[in-house]
Amino acid sequence: MPRSAALEKIGDMLPDATLLPEPDAALYRAAAKIPGVSVVTGAKDYTGRPGIGLSFKERDGRTAWVFDKKSLDFPGSVDESLLDVGVADKAGDISAT
């Protein structure tokens, strides 16, 4: 699988994996092994939350996904942030969190 396709696939999965820490950590570790991806120790997501980033080149330049330094949870990227995540009983319901 080409590098860009692998990064696109991982990027598609990251927001959906936020409720389960193990998939976030696995996606971080997989992405970090892709050639051209570099680790950024002082990264911040769009809202300024600090973490460890994975930086890589996109069509428009470079971007970075940001992960919590200890848990490797994914709060967002330098371009966007996940502000609230919760669980609902069925599609369309609002989470109690």
Protein backbone atom coordinates (compact mmCIF):
# COMPACT_ATOMS: atom_id res chain seq x y z
CA MET A 1 0.00 0.00 0.00
CA PRO A 2 1.50 3.37 -0.95
CA ARG A 3 2.42 5.75 1.85
CA SER A 4 -0.33 8.28 1.07
CA ALA A 5 -3.01 5.57 0.98
CA ALA A 6 -1.85 4.18 4.33
CA LEU A 7 -1.90 7.64 5.93
CA GLU A 8 -5.34 8.34 4.46
CA LYS A 9 -6.71 5.05 5.84
CA ILE A 10 -5.24 5.73 9.31
CA GLY A 11 -6.57 9.30 9.22
CA ASP A 12 -10.05 8.00 8.42
CA MET A 13 -9.93 5.62 11.40
CA LEU A 14 -8.53 8.00 14.05
CA PRO A 15 -11.71 9.98 14.90
CA ASP A 16 -13.71 6.75 15.22
CA ALA A 17 -11.16 5.15 17.56
CA THR A 18 -11.31 7.87 20.23
CA LEU A 19 -13.41 5.87 22.69
CA LEU A 20 -10.98 2.96 22.70
CA PRO A 21 -7.42 3.80 23.74
CA GLU A 22 -5.85 0.63 22.32
CA PRO A 23 -6.78 1.39 18.69
CA ASP A 24 -5.50 4.99 19.02
CA ALA A 25 -2.16 3.71 20.29
CA ALA A 26 -1.98 1.06 17.56
CA LEU A 27 -2.75 3.63 14.85
CA TYR A 28 -0.06 5.96 16.28
CA ARG A 29 2.52 3.18 16.23
CA ALA A 30 1.58 2.10 12.69
CA ALA A 31 1.69 5.65 11.32
CA ALA A 32 5.03 6.36 13.02
CA LYS A 33 6.61 3.52 11.01
CA ILE A 34 5.57 4.93 7.61
CA PRO A 35 8.51 6.47 5.71
CA GLY A 36 8.30 10.26 5.67
CA VAL A 37 6.42 10.51 8.98
CA SER A 38 8.34 12.27 11.74
CA VAL A 39 7.70 12.58 15.47
CA VAL A 40 7.15 16.10 16.86
CA THR A 41 7.57 16.19 20.64
CA GLY A 42 6.04 19.63 21.30
CA ALA A 43 2.99 19.38 19.05
CA LYS A 44 -0.36 21.03 19.85
CA ASP A 45 -3.77 20.31 18.39
CA TYR A 46 -5.98 23.03 16.91
CA THR A 47 -7.23 24.12 20.36
CA GLY A 48 -3.71 24.20 21.82
CA ARG A 49 -3.75 20.93 23.76
CA PRO A 50 -0.17 19.63 23.96
CA GLY A 51 0.91 16.19 22.89
CA ILE A 52 3.22 14.22 20.68
CA GLY A 53 2.70 14.72 16.97
CA LEU A 54 3.18 12.72 13.85
CA SER A 55 4.04 15.10 11.04
CA PHE A 56 3.81 14.25 7.37
CA LYS A 57 3.49 15.90 3.97
CA GLU A 58 0.06 16.40 2.42
CA ARG A 59 -0.89 17.95 -0.90
CA ASP A 60 -1.10 21.43 0.70
CA GLY A 61 2.08 21.16 2.78
CA ARG A 62 2.81 19.49 6.11
CA THR A 63 0.31 18.58 8.81
CA ALA A 64 0.44 16.68 12.10
CA TRP A 65 -1.83 14.42 14.06
CA VAL A 66 -1.50 15.04 17.80
CA PHE A 67 -1.69 12.31 20.44
CA ASP A 68 -1.69 12.46 24.25
CA LYS A 69 1.91 11.87 25.42
CA LYS A 70 1.01 9.20 27.98
CA SER A 71 -2.10 7.42 26.70
CA LEU A 72 -1.66 8.04 22.95
CA ASP A 73 -5.34 9.07 22.77
CA PHE A 74 -6.07 11.16 19.68
CA PRO A 75 -7.50 14.61 20.56
CA GLY A 76 -7.07 16.00 17.05
CA SER A 77 -4.60 17.48 14.63
CA VAL A 78 -2.99 20.84 14.07
CA ASP A 79 -5.94 21.63 11.77
CA GLU A 80 -8.88 20.33 13.86
CA SER A 81 -9.77 19.07 17.34
CA LEU A 82 -12.19 16.57 18.78
CA LEU A 83 -13.89 18.53 21.56
CA ASP A 84 -16.40 16.06 22.97
CA VAL A 85 -16.86 12.37 22.40
CA GLY A 86 -19.52 10.20 23.98
CA VAL A 87 -21.63 7.09 23.59
CA ALA A 88 -25.34 7.01 22.75
CA ASP A 89 -27.76 4.10 22.79
CA LYS A 90 -28.67 4.51 19.11
CA ALA A 91 -27.85 6.67 16.11
CA GLY A 92 -29.29 10.16 16.45
CA ASP A 93 -29.39 10.12 20.25
CA ILE A 94 -27.33 12.63 22.19
CA SER A 95 -24.68 11.26 24.52
CA ALA A 96 -25.12 11.73 28.27
CA THR A 97 -21.51 12.94 28.64
